[in-house]
């Protein structure tokens, strides 16, 4: 999904620039989820020690992993249900 999103953005940027007659290269750095957090800023705001900031980063990372597995499990169940419905018609 991320590759598809990246390709779509690059295509849209290229079409826009080509339409305006501009030959220019544009690079986008797209982040999502845990990558978007600035732990240095969080640490400074909460007056955390460097070790506490690292623990917060690890806690958020583990939460993100758990959420990703839950999402994969949900998708797997949906695919299994879809395949089961198709087998009924065959």
N, C-alpha and C. Protein backbone atom coordinates (compact mmCIF):
# COMPACT_ATOMS: atom_id res chain seq x y z
N UNK A 1 0.83 -1.19 0.00
CA UNK A 1 0.00 0.00 0.00
C UNK A 1 0.87 1.25 0.00
N UNK A 2 1.94 1.25 0.78
CA UNK A 2 2.81 2.42 0.84
C UNK A 2 3.46 2.69 -0.51
N UNK A 3 3.87 1.62 -1.21
CA UNK A 3 4.49 1.80 -2.52
C UNK A 3 3.49 2.39 -3.51
N UNK A 4 2.25 1.93 -3.44
CA UNK A 4 1.22 2.45 -4.32
C UNK A 4 0.99 3.94 -4.05
N UNK A 5 0.93 4.31 -2.78
CA UNK A 5 0.75 5.72 -2.40
C UNK A 5 1.91 6.56 -2.91
N UNK A 6 3.12 6.07 -2.72
CA UNK A 6 4.32 6.79 -3.17
C UNK A 6 4.28 6.97 -4.68
N UNK A 7 3.95 5.92 -5.42
CA UNK A 7 3.90 6.00 -6.88
C UNK A 7 2.84 6.99 -7.33
N UNK A 8 1.69 6.98 -6.65
CA UNK A 8 0.61 7.89 -7.01
C UNK A 8 1.02 9.34 -6.80
N UNK A 9 1.65 9.63 -5.68
CA UNK A 9 2.11 10.99 -5.41
C UNK A 9 3.12 11.43 -6.47
N UNK A 10 4.07 10.55 -6.80
CA UNK A 10 5.09 10.91 -7.79
C UNK A 10 4.45 11.17 -9.15
N UNK A 11 3.46 10.38 -9.53
CA UNK A 11 2.79 10.57 -10.81
C UNK A 11 2.05 11.91 -10.83
N UNK A 12 1.34 12.22 -9.74
CA UNK A 12 0.60 13.47 -9.68
C UNK A 12 1.53 14.68 -9.74
N UNK A 13 2.65 14.61 -9.06
CA UNK A 13 3.61 15.71 -9.09
C UNK A 13 4.18 15.86 -10.49
N UNK A 14 4.51 14.76 -11.15
CA UNK A 14 5.08 14.82 -12.49
C UNK A 14 4.07 15.40 -13.48
N UNK A 15 2.80 14.99 -13.38
CA UNK A 15 1.76 15.51 -14.28
C UNK A 15 1.57 17.00 -14.07
N UNK A 16 1.51 17.43 -12.80
CA UNK A 16 1.32 18.84 -12.49
C UNK A 16 2.46 19.68 -13.05
N UNK A 17 3.68 19.24 -12.84
CA UNK A 17 4.83 20.01 -13.32
C UNK A 17 4.92 20.00 -14.84
N UNK A 18 4.60 18.88 -15.46
CA UNK A 18 4.64 18.80 -16.92
C UNK A 18 3.58 19.71 -17.54
N UNK A 19 2.44 19.80 -16.89
CA UNK A 19 1.36 20.64 -17.38
C UNK A 19 1.76 22.11 -17.38
N UNK A 20 2.53 22.52 -16.41
CA UNK A 20 2.94 23.91 -16.28
C UNK A 20 4.22 24.21 -17.08
N UNK A 21 4.79 23.22 -17.72
CA UNK A 21 5.98 23.43 -18.53
C UNK A 21 7.25 23.55 -17.70
N UNK A 22 7.21 23.07 -16.48
CA UNK A 22 8.36 23.16 -15.59
C UNK A 22 9.04 21.79 -15.54
N UNK A 23 10.33 21.77 -15.74
CA UNK A 23 11.09 20.54 -15.62
C UNK A 23 11.86 20.61 -14.31
N UNK A 24 11.33 19.94 -13.29
CA UNK A 24 11.90 20.03 -11.96
C UNK A 24 11.69 18.71 -11.23
N UNK A 25 12.67 18.32 -10.44
CA UNK A 25 12.55 17.09 -9.67
C UNK A 25 12.13 17.43 -8.24
N UNK A 26 11.13 16.70 -7.75
CA UNK A 26 10.61 16.93 -6.40
C UNK A 26 10.70 15.63 -5.63
N UNK A 27 11.22 15.69 -4.42
CA UNK A 27 11.31 14.49 -3.57
C UNK A 27 10.44 14.72 -2.34
N UNK A 28 9.61 13.75 -2.03
CA UNK A 28 8.74 13.82 -0.86
C UNK A 28 9.17 12.75 0.14
N UNK A 29 9.25 13.14 1.38
CA UNK A 29 9.54 12.18 2.45
C UNK A 29 8.26 12.04 3.26
N UNK A 30 7.52 10.96 3.03
CA UNK A 30 6.23 10.75 3.67
C UNK A 30 6.42 9.82 4.86
N UNK A 31 5.96 10.28 6.01
CA UNK A 31 6.04 9.48 7.22
C UNK A 31 4.64 9.24 7.76
N UNK A 32 4.49 8.12 8.46
CA UNK A 32 3.19 7.85 9.07
C UNK A 32 3.41 7.12 10.38
N UNK A 33 2.41 7.16 11.20
CA UNK A 33 2.45 6.43 12.46
C UNK A 33 3.52 6.94 13.40
N UNK A 34 4.25 5.99 13.97
CA UNK A 34 5.24 6.30 14.99
C UNK A 34 6.40 7.13 14.44
N UNK A 35 6.64 7.07 13.12
CA UNK A 35 7.74 7.83 12.52
C UNK A 35 7.50 9.34 12.61
N UNK A 36 6.27 9.77 12.79
CA UNK A 36 5.94 11.19 12.78
C UNK A 36 6.20 11.88 14.11
N UNK A 37 6.39 11.11 15.17
CA UNK A 37 6.57 11.70 16.49
C UNK A 37 8.00 12.22 16.69
N UNK A 38 8.09 13.36 17.32
CA UNK A 38 9.38 13.93 17.69
C UNK A 38 9.60 13.65 19.18
N UNK A 39 10.34 12.61 19.45
CA UNK A 39 10.54 12.22 20.85
C UNK A 39 11.44 13.18 21.60
N UNK A 40 12.29 13.88 20.88
CA UNK A 40 13.12 14.88 21.55
C UNK A 40 12.24 16.00 22.09
N UNK A 41 11.27 16.42 21.27
CA UNK A 41 10.34 17.46 21.69
C UNK A 41 9.46 17.01 22.84
N UNK A 42 9.02 15.75 22.78
CA UNK A 42 8.19 15.20 23.86
C UNK A 42 9.00 15.14 25.15
N UNK A 43 10.25 14.71 25.03
CA UNK A 43 11.13 14.62 26.20
C UNK A 43 11.38 15.97 26.84
N UNK A 44 11.60 16.98 26.00
CA UNK A 44 11.84 18.32 26.53
C UNK A 44 10.59 18.89 27.20
N UNK A 45 9.43 18.68 26.58
CA UNK A 45 8.18 19.21 27.12
C UNK A 45 7.83 18.57 28.46
N UNK A 46 8.07 17.27 28.57
CA UNK A 46 7.74 16.55 29.80
C UNK A 46 8.92 16.46 30.76
N UNK A 47 10.06 17.08 30.36
CA UNK A 47 11.27 17.07 31.17
C UNK A 47 11.69 15.63 31.54
N UNK A 48 11.76 14.79 30.48
CA UNK A 48 12.14 13.39 30.67
C UNK A 48 13.64 13.23 30.47
N UNK A 49 14.18 12.24 31.15
CA UNK A 49 15.58 11.88 30.97
C UNK A 49 15.72 11.11 29.66
N UNK A 50 16.92 11.06 29.08
CA UNK A 50 17.10 10.34 27.80
C UNK A 50 16.63 8.89 27.86
N UNK A 51 16.86 8.21 28.97
CA UNK A 51 16.42 6.83 29.10
C UNK A 51 14.89 6.75 29.09
N UNK A 52 14.23 7.71 29.72
CA UNK A 52 12.77 7.73 29.73
C UNK A 52 12.20 8.00 28.34
N UNK A 53 12.89 8.84 27.58
CA UNK A 53 12.47 9.10 26.20
C UNK A 53 12.59 7.83 25.38
N UNK A 54 13.69 7.09 25.55
CA UNK A 54 13.86 5.82 24.84
C UNK A 54 12.79 4.82 25.24
N UNK A 55 12.44 4.76 26.50
CA UNK A 55 11.37 3.86 26.95
C UNK A 55 10.03 4.25 26.34
N UNK A 56 9.77 5.54 26.25
CA UNK A 56 8.52 6.01 25.62
C UNK A 56 8.49 5.62 24.15
N UNK A 57 9.63 5.76 23.47
CA UNK A 57 9.72 5.38 22.06
C UNK A 57 9.46 3.87 21.89
N UNK A 58 10.05 3.06 22.76
CA UNK A 58 9.84 1.61 22.69
C UNK A 58 8.40 1.24 23.02
N UNK A 59 7.80 1.93 23.98
CA UNK A 59 6.40 1.67 24.32
C UNK A 59 5.49 1.96 23.13
N UNK A 60 5.72 3.10 22.47
CA UNK A 60 4.92 3.45 21.30
C UNK A 60 5.15 2.46 20.16
N UNK A 61 6.38 2.03 19.99
CA UNK A 61 6.70 1.05 18.94
C UNK A 61 5.98 -0.27 19.20
N UNK A 62 5.99 -0.73 20.43
CA UNK A 62 5.31 -1.98 20.74
C UNK A 62 3.80 -1.85 20.56
N UNK A 63 3.22 -0.69 20.91
CA UNK A 63 1.80 -0.47 20.67
C UNK A 63 1.49 -0.50 19.17
N UNK A 64 2.35 0.10 18.37
CA UNK A 64 2.15 0.12 16.92
C UNK A 64 2.21 -1.29 16.34
N UNK A 65 3.12 -2.12 16.87
CA UNK A 65 3.22 -3.51 16.40
C UNK A 65 1.96 -4.28 16.74
N UNK A 66 1.45 -4.10 17.95
CA UNK A 66 0.22 -4.78 18.37
C UNK A 66 -0.95 -4.34 17.48
N UNK A 67 -1.04 -3.05 17.18
CA UNK A 67 -2.11 -2.56 16.31
C UNK A 67 -1.98 -3.11 14.89
N UNK A 68 -0.75 -3.21 14.39
CA UNK A 68 -0.54 -3.77 13.06
C UNK A 68 -0.96 -5.22 13.00
N UNK A 69 -0.64 -6.00 14.03
CA UNK A 69 -1.05 -7.40 14.06
C UNK A 69 -2.56 -7.53 14.14
N UNK A 70 -3.22 -6.66 14.91
CA UNK A 70 -4.68 -6.69 15.00
C UNK A 70 -5.30 -6.39 13.64
N UNK A 71 -4.72 -5.41 12.93
CA UNK A 71 -5.22 -5.07 11.60
C UNK A 71 -5.01 -6.22 10.62
N UNK A 72 -3.84 -6.87 10.69
CA UNK A 72 -3.59 -8.03 9.81
C UNK A 72 -4.56 -9.16 10.12
N UNK A 73 -4.84 -9.39 11.40
CA UNK A 73 -5.78 -10.44 11.78
C UNK A 73 -7.17 -10.13 11.24
N UNK A 74 -7.58 -8.87 11.32
CA UNK A 74 -8.90 -8.47 10.81
C UNK A 74 -8.97 -8.67 9.31
N UNK A 75 -7.93 -8.27 8.59
CA UNK A 75 -7.90 -8.45 7.14
C UNK A 75 -7.92 -9.92 6.76
N UNK A 76 -7.19 -10.73 7.52
CA UNK A 76 -7.17 -12.17 7.25
C UNK A 76 -8.55 -12.76 7.43
N UNK A 77 -9.27 -12.34 8.46
CA UNK A 77 -10.63 -12.84 8.68
C UNK A 77 -11.56 -12.41 7.55
N UNK A 78 -11.41 -11.17 7.09
CA UNK A 78 -12.23 -10.69 5.98
C UNK A 78 -11.95 -11.49 4.72
N UNK A 79 -10.68 -11.78 4.46
CA UNK A 79 -10.32 -12.57 3.27
C UNK A 79 -10.86 -13.99 3.39
N UNK A 80 -10.76 -14.56 4.58
CA UNK A 80 -11.27 -15.91 4.79
C UNK A 80 -12.77 -15.94 4.57
N UNK A 81 -13.50 -14.94 5.05
CA UNK A 81 -14.94 -14.87 4.86
C UNK A 81 -15.28 -14.73 3.38
N UNK A 82 -14.52 -13.89 2.67
CA UNK A 82 -14.76 -13.70 1.24
C UNK A 82 -14.50 -15.00 0.49
N UNK A 83 -13.42 -15.69 0.82
CA UNK A 83 -13.12 -16.97 0.15
C UNK A 83 -14.19 -18.00 0.46
N UNK A 84 -14.70 -18.02 1.68
CA UNK A 84 -15.75 -18.95 2.05
C UNK A 84 -17.02 -18.69 1.27
N UNK A 85 -17.36 -17.43 1.07
CA UNK A 85 -18.55 -17.08 0.30
C UNK A 85 -18.39 -17.50 -1.17
N UNK A 86 -17.19 -17.34 -1.70
CA UNK A 86 -16.96 -17.73 -3.09
C UNK A 86 -17.08 -19.24 -3.26
N UNK A 87 -16.61 -20.00 -2.29
CA UNK A 87 -16.68 -21.45 -2.39
C UNK A 87 -18.12 -21.94 -2.35
N UNK A 88 -19.01 -21.22 -1.71
CA UNK A 88 -20.42 -21.59 -1.67
C UNK A 88 -21.01 -21.56 -3.07
N UNK A 89 -20.62 -20.54 -3.85
CA UNK A 89 -21.17 -20.39 -5.20
C UNK A 89 -20.59 -21.40 -6.19
N UNK A 90 -19.43 -21.97 -5.87
CA UNK A 90 -18.81 -22.92 -6.79
C UNK A 90 -19.40 -24.25 -6.52
